[in-house]
Amino acid sequence: MSEEYYTKMCKGAKDIQKIWKPNPWDWMYCIKLKTIVILSGYLTDSGVYGHEYNTYREDNIGSAIDVLDEDECCEEGKNNHIWLPTQIQLQKMITPKIVSKYIKYTTFDTSLYWNQLFAITKWLDVLSNNKDHYANIIMTFQAKELWLTFLMYEKFQKKWDVNKKEWIKR
């Protein structure tokens, strides 16, 4: 799959877009510029590193969302952008409750990452054992597409329709 495909998946993931609170270094697709940009963590020329975000403003009250609202290319602010969460950001949204549906673990510490990995593997096994063709389709996804699919499936009860290219209720 491609960044274009992942962008389409993220655009359709309205549940995730609603909870997005822009932060420095977030990856996003700028609809007006028709390109992927990074919300920069320091003052830049807005061409190389993405949209400016100066964490050292004199008034000391700026935030990433203020920049999206004020940026000349982004009159519509957050609404003019599609958040493209990284794999780490997606994994942070996968709660222990979701993980515990697939595996048992007793601690919530640094081992959560490994538990998430085991859980997503078990999820794919469950789909495959149920003769669900969905498992065969999502096995072709890149890692972040797979994590997005797992999150949407478990947290929001939606699955990606590869033909319609949209999220549907499962």
C-alpha atoms as a PDB file:
ATOM      1  CA  MET A   1       0.000   0.000   0.000  1.00  0.00           C
ATOM      2  CA  SER A   2       1.058   3.620  -0.317  1.00  0.00           C
ATOM      3  CA  GLU A   3       0.984   6.859   1.671  1.00  0.00           C
ATOM      4  CA  GLU A   4      -1.929   7.900  -0.537  1.00  0.00           C
ATOM      5  CA  TYR A   5      -3.857   4.791   0.514  1.00  0.00           C
ATOM      6  CA  TYR A   6      -3.006   5.338   4.202  1.00  0.00           C
ATOM      7  CA  THR A   7      -4.137   8.966   3.876  1.00  0.00           C
ATOM      8  CA  LYS A   8      -7.466   7.775   2.466  1.00  0.00           C
ATOM      9  CA  MET A   9      -7.842   5.333   5.374  1.00  0.00           C
ATOM     10  CA  CYS A  10      -7.056   8.089   7.905  1.00  0.00           C
ATOM     11  CA  LYS A  11      -9.425  10.560   6.247  1.00  0.00           C
ATOM     12  CA  GLY A  12     -12.240   8.033   6.549  1.00  0.00           C
ATOM     13  CA  ALA A  13     -11.370   7.248  10.192  1.00  0.00           C
ATOM     14  CA  LYS A  14     -13.569  10.076  11.485  1.00  0.00           C
ATOM     15  CA  ASP A  15     -13.511   8.657  15.020  1.00  0.00           C
ATOM     16  CA  ILE A  16      -9.753   9.124  15.190  1.00  0.00           C
ATOM     17  CA  GLN A  17      -9.792  12.491  13.442  1.00  0.00           C
ATOM     18  CA  LYS A  18     -12.276  13.783  16.052  1.00  0.00           C
ATOM     19  CA  ILE A  19      -9.971  12.980  18.965  1.00  0.00           C
ATOM     20  CA  TRP A  20      -6.870  14.478  17.329  1.00  0.00           C
ATOM     21  CA  LYS A  21      -5.256  17.233  19.359  1.00  0.00           C
ATOM     22  CA  PRO A  22      -2.483  18.596  17.114  1.00  0.00           C
ATOM     23  CA  ASN A  23       1.007  18.391  18.563  1.00  0.00           C
ATOM     24  CA  PRO A  24       4.424  19.340  17.274  1.00  0.00           C
ATOM     25  CA  TRP A  25       5.812  16.711  14.896  1.00  0.00           C
ATOM     26  CA  ASP A  26       2.399  15.323  13.946  1.00  0.00           C
ATOM     27  CA  TRP A  27       2.228  14.111  10.371  1.00  0.00           C
ATOM     28  CA  MET A  28      -0.774  15.347   8.435  1.00  0.00           C
ATOM     29  CA  TYR A  29      -2.054  15.764   4.932  1.00  0.00           C
ATOM     30  CA  CYS A  30      -2.682  19.428   4.111  1.00  0.00           C
ATOM     31  CA  ILE A  31      -5.715  19.499   1.810  1.00  0.00           C
ATOM     32  CA  LYS A  32      -4.929  22.967   0.510  1.00  0.00           C
ATOM     33  CA  LEU A  33      -1.288  22.169  -0.339  1.00  0.00           C
ATOM     34  CA  LYS A  34      -2.173  18.603  -1.422  1.00  0.00           C
ATOM     35  CA  THR A  35       0.848  17.177   0.318  1.00  0.00           C
ATOM     36  CA  ILE A  36       1.961  15.545   3.538  1.00  0.00           C
ATOM     37  CA  VAL A  37       3.454  17.999   6.011  1.00  0.00           C
ATOM     38  CA  ILE A  38       4.811  17.832   9.527  1.00  0.00           C
ATOM     39  CA  LEU A  39       3.666  20.229  12.193  1.00  0.00           C
ATOM     40  CA  SER A  40       7.129  21.482  13.043  1.00  0.00           C
ATOM     41  CA  GLY A  41       8.348  21.763  16.601  1.00  0.00           C
ATOM     42  CA  TYR A  42      10.307  24.917  15.897  1.00  0.00           C
ATOM     43  CA  LEU A  43      10.204  27.906  13.614  1.00  0.00           C
ATOM     44  CA  THR A  44      10.942  26.891  10.031  1.00  0.00           C
ATOM     45  CA  ASP A  45      10.444  28.213   6.532  1.00  0.00           C
ATOM     46  CA  SER A  46       7.207  26.178   6.303  1.00  0.00           C
ATOM     47  CA  GLY A  47       8.452  24.575   3.121  1.00  0.00           C
ATOM     48  CA  VAL A  48      10.947  21.997   4.269  1.00  0.00           C
ATOM     49  CA  TYR A  49       9.646  20.839   7.623  1.00  0.00           C
ATOM     50  CA  GLY A  50       5.975  21.616   7.269  1.00  0.00           C
ATOM     51  CA  HIS A  51       3.807  24.137   9.066  1.00  0.00           C
ATOM     52  CA  GLU A  52       5.499  26.441  11.524  1.00  0.00           C
ATOM     53  CA  TYR A  53       5.039  25.889  15.200  1.00  0.00           C
ATOM     54  CA  ASN A  54       7.227  27.971  17.453  1.00  0.00           C
ATOM     55  CA  THR A  55       7.371  26.507  20.945  1.00  0.00           C
ATOM     56  CA  TYR A  56       9.303  29.570  22.098  1.00  0.00           C
ATOM     57  CA  ARG A  57       6.806  32.322  21.294  1.00  0.00           C
ATOM     58  CA  GLU A  58       7.273  35.538  23.237  1.00  0.00           C
ATOM     59  CA  ASP A  59       3.742  35.427  24.625  1.00  0.00           C
ATOM     60  CA  ASN A  60       4.360  31.799  25.641  1.00  0.00           C
ATOM     61  CA  ILE A  61       0.739  30.830  24.934  1.00  0.00           C
ATOM     62  CA  GLY A  62       0.914  29.173  21.540  1.00  0.00           C
ATOM     63  CA  SER A  63      -0.171  25.662  20.752  1.00  0.00           C
ATOM     64  CA  ALA A  64      -0.089  23.498  17.675  1.00  0.00           C
ATOM     65  CA  ILE A  65      -3.808  24.004  17.139  1.00  0.00           C
ATOM     66  CA  ASP A  66      -3.345  27.811  17.275  1.00  0.00           C
ATOM     67  CA  VAL A  67      -0.865  27.539  14.427  1.00  0.00           C
ATOM     68  CA  LEU A  68      -3.273  25.477  12.353  1.00  0.00           C
ATOM     69  CA  ASP A  69      -5.894  28.161  12.917  1.00  0.00           C
ATOM     70  CA  GLU A  70      -3.528  31.033  12.083  1.00  0.00           C
ATOM     71  CA  ASP A  71      -1.418  29.576   9.240  1.00  0.00           C
ATOM     72  CA  GLU A  72      -2.048  31.415   5.963  1.00  0.00           C
ATOM     73  CA  CYS A  73      -2.382  28.140   4.069  1.00  0.00           C
ATOM     74  CA  CYS A  74      -4.755  26.762   6.646  1.00  0.00           C
ATOM     75  CA  GLU A  75      -7.637  29.153   7.046  1.00  0.00           C
ATOM     76  CA  GLU A  76      -9.862  26.271   8.094  1.00  0.00           C
ATOM     77  CA  GLY A  77      -7.335  25.061  10.662  1.00  0.00           C
ATOM     78  CA  LYS A  78      -7.654  21.466  11.770  1.00  0.00           C
ATOM     79  CA  ASN A  79     -10.553  20.906   9.353  1.00  0.00           C
ATOM     80  CA  ASN A  80      -8.215  21.504   6.419  1.00  0.00           C
ATOM     81  CA  HIS A  81      -5.886  18.685   7.498  1.00  0.00           C
ATOM     82  CA  ILE A  82      -6.010  14.925   7.845  1.00  0.00           C
ATOM     83  CA  TRP A  83      -4.016  13.550  10.744  1.00  0.00           C
ATOM     84  CA  LEU A  84      -1.771  10.656   9.746  1.00  0.00           C
ATOM     85  CA  PRO A  85      -0.995   8.989  13.068  1.00  0.00           C
ATOM     86  CA  THR A  86       2.315   7.204  13.350  1.00  0.00           C
ATOM     87  CA  GLN A  87       2.462   3.581  14.437  1.00  0.00           C
ATOM     88  CA  ILE A  88       3.481   4.676  17.937  1.00  0.00           C
ATOM     89  CA  GLN A  89       0.522   7.090  18.164  1.00  0.00           C
ATOM     90  CA  LEU A  90      -1.851   4.322  17.060  1.00  0.00           C
ATOM     91  CA  GLN A  91      -0.422   1.913  19.610  1.00  0.00           C
ATOM     92  CA  LYS A  92      -0.877   4.496  22.385  1.00  0.00           C
ATOM     93  CA  MET A  93      -4.624   4.412  21.628  1.00  0.00           C
ATOM     94  CA  ILE A  94      -4.793   0.637  22.060  1.00  0.00           C
ATOM     95  CA  THR A  95      -5.836   0.174  25.650  1.00  0.00           C
ATOM     96  CA  PRO A  96      -5.029  -2.735  27.968  1.00  0.00           C
ATOM     97  CA  LYS A  97      -8.745  -3.617  27.774  1.00  0.00           C
ATOM     98  CA  ILE A  98      -8.421  -4.200  24.020  1.00  0.00           C
ATOM     99  CA  VAL A  99      -5.219  -6.198  24.469  1.00  0.00           C
ATOM    100  CA  SER A 100      -6.747  -8.341  27.221  1.00  0.00           C
ATOM    101  CA  LYS A 101      -9.416  -9.577  24.808  1.00  0.00           C
ATOM    102  CA  TYR A 102      -6.706 -11.590  23.085  1.00  0.00           C
ATOM    103  CA  ILE A 103      -4.063 -12.321  25.695  1.00  0.00           C
ATOM    104  CA  LYS A 104      -3.762 -12.325  29.462  1.00  0.00           C
ATOM    105  CA  TYR A 105      -1.135 -10.226  31.114  1.00  0.00           C
ATOM    106  CA  THR A 106      -0.718  -8.967  34.621  1.00  0.00           C
ATOM    107  CA  THR A 107       1.394  -5.848  34.301  1.00  0.00           C
ATOM    108  CA  PHE A 108       0.908  -2.587  32.497  1.00  0.00           C
ATOM    109  CA  ASP A 109       4.464  -1.516  31.918  1.00  0.00           C
ATOM    110  CA  THR A 110       7.041  -1.567  29.152  1.00  0.00           C
ATOM    111  CA  SER A 111       5.832  -5.003  28.140  1.00  0.00           C
ATOM    112  CA  LEU A 112       2.600  -3.454  26.814  1.00  0.00           C
ATOM    113  CA  TYR A 113       4.199  -3.057  23.376  1.00  0.00           C
ATOM    114  CA  TRP A 114       4.960  -6.777  23.214  1.00  0.00           C
ATOM    115  CA  ASN A 115       1.504  -7.604  24.527  1.00  0.00           C
ATOM    116  CA  GLN A 116      -0.020  -5.435  21.782  1.00  0.00           C
ATOM    117  CA  LEU A 117       2.076  -7.275  19.224  1.00  0.00           C
ATOM    118  CA  PHE A 118       0.896 -10.640  20.550  1.00  0.00           C
ATOM    119  CA  ALA A 119      -2.697  -9.353  20.641  1.00  0.00           C
ATOM    120  CA  ILE A 120      -2.688  -8.206  17.015  1.00  0.00           C
ATOM    121  CA  THR A 121      -1.180 -11.555  15.978  1.00  0.00           C
ATOM    122  CA  LYS A 122      -3.879 -13.398  17.926  1.00  0.00           C
ATOM    123  CA  TRP A 123      -6.542 -11.142  16.355  1.00  0.00           C
ATOM    124  CA  LEU A 124      -5.338 -12.123  12.880  1.00  0.00           C
ATOM    125  CA  ASP A 125      -5.383 -15.802  13.933  1.00  0.00           C
ATOM    126  CA  VAL A 126      -8.961 -15.470  15.193  1.00  0.00           C
ATOM    127  CA  LEU A 127     -10.056 -13.845  11.921  1.00  0.00           C
ATOM    128  CA  SER A 128      -8.295 -16.536   9.909  1.00  0.00           C
ATOM    129  CA  ASN A 129      -9.752 -19.380  11.974  1.00  0.00           C
ATOM    130  CA  ASN A 130     -13.236 -17.947  11.452  1.00  0.00           C
ATOM    131  CA  LYS A 131     -12.620 -18.203   7.706  1.00  0.00           C
ATOM    132  CA  ASP A 132     -12.998 -14.445   7.525  1.00  0.00           C
ATOM    133  CA  HIS A 133     -11.611 -13.241   4.192  1.00  0.00           C
ATOM    134  CA  TYR A 134     -10.894  -9.944   5.935  1.00  0.00           C
ATOM    135  CA  ALA A 135      -7.766 -11.486   7.473  1.00  0.00           C
ATOM    136  CA  ASN A 136      -6.367 -12.309   4.024  1.00  0.00           C
ATOM    137  CA  ILE A 137      -6.948  -8.743   2.845  1.00  0.00           C
ATOM    138  CA  ILE A 138      -5.394  -6.959   5.805  1.00  0.00           C
ATOM    139  CA  MET A 139      -2.337  -9.235   5.773  1.00  0.00           C
ATOM    140  CA  THR A 140      -1.205  -7.200   2.734  1.00  0.00           C
ATOM    141  CA  PHE A 141      -1.224  -3.939   4.699  1.00  0.00           C
ATOM    142  CA  GLN A 142       1.866  -2.086   5.876  1.00  0.00           C
ATOM    143  CA  ALA A 143       2.422  -1.933   9.630  1.00  0.00           C
ATOM    144  CA  LYS A 144       0.685   1.378  10.335  1.00  0.00           C
ATOM    145  CA  GLU A 145      -2.270   0.411   8.120  1.00  0.00           C
ATOM    146  CA  LEU A 146      -2.553  -2.834  10.087  1.00  0.00           C
ATOM    147  CA  TRP A 147      -2.410  -1.035  13.452  1.00  0.00           C
ATOM    148  CA  LEU A 148      -5.013   1.486  12.250  1.00  0.00           C
ATOM    149  CA  THR A 149      -7.237  -1.385  11.116  1.00  0.00           C
ATOM    150  CA  PHE A 150      -6.857  -3.195  14.451  1.00  0.00           C
ATOM    151  CA  LEU A 151      -7.644   0.000  16.389  1.00  0.00           C
ATOM    152  CA  MET A 152     -10.703   0.830  14.286  1.00  0.00           C
ATOM    153  CA  TYR A 153     -11.929  -2.777  14.480  1.00  0.00           C
ATOM    154  CA  GLU A 154     -11.601  -3.086  18.240  1.00  0.00           C
ATOM    155  CA  LYS A 155     -12.169   0.429  19.569  1.00  0.00           C
ATOM    156  CA  PHE A 156     -14.762   1.718  17.098  1.00  0.00           C
ATOM    157  CA  GLN A 157     -16.256  -1.553  15.748  1.00  0.00           C
ATOM    158  CA  LYS A 158     -15.470  -0.670  12.130  1.00  0.00           C
ATOM    159  CA  LYS A 159     -13.631  -2.468   9.393  1.00  0.00           C
ATOM    160  CA  TRP A 160     -12.045  -1.233   6.204  1.00  0.00           C
ATOM    161  CA  ASP A 161     -13.955  -2.062   3.017  1.00  0.00           C
ATOM    162  CA  VAL A 162     -11.188  -2.380   0.424  1.00  0.00           C
ATOM    163  CA  ASN A 163     -13.642  -2.171  -2.482  1.00  0.00           C
ATOM    164  CA  LYS A 164     -15.500   0.952  -1.329  1.00  0.00           C
ATOM    165  CA  LYS A 165     -12.375   2.311   0.365  1.00  0.00           C
ATOM    166  CA  GLU A 166     -14.259   3.357   3.487  1.00  0.00           C
ATOM    167  CA  TRP A 167     -14.837   2.277   7.073  1.00  0.00           C
ATOM    168  CA  ILE A 168     -18.042   0.320   7.648  1.00  0.00           C
ATOM    169  CA  LYS A 169     -19.709  -0.987  10.797  1.00  0.00           C
ATOM    170  CA  ARG A 170     -18.725  -4.589  11.446  1.00  0.00           C
END
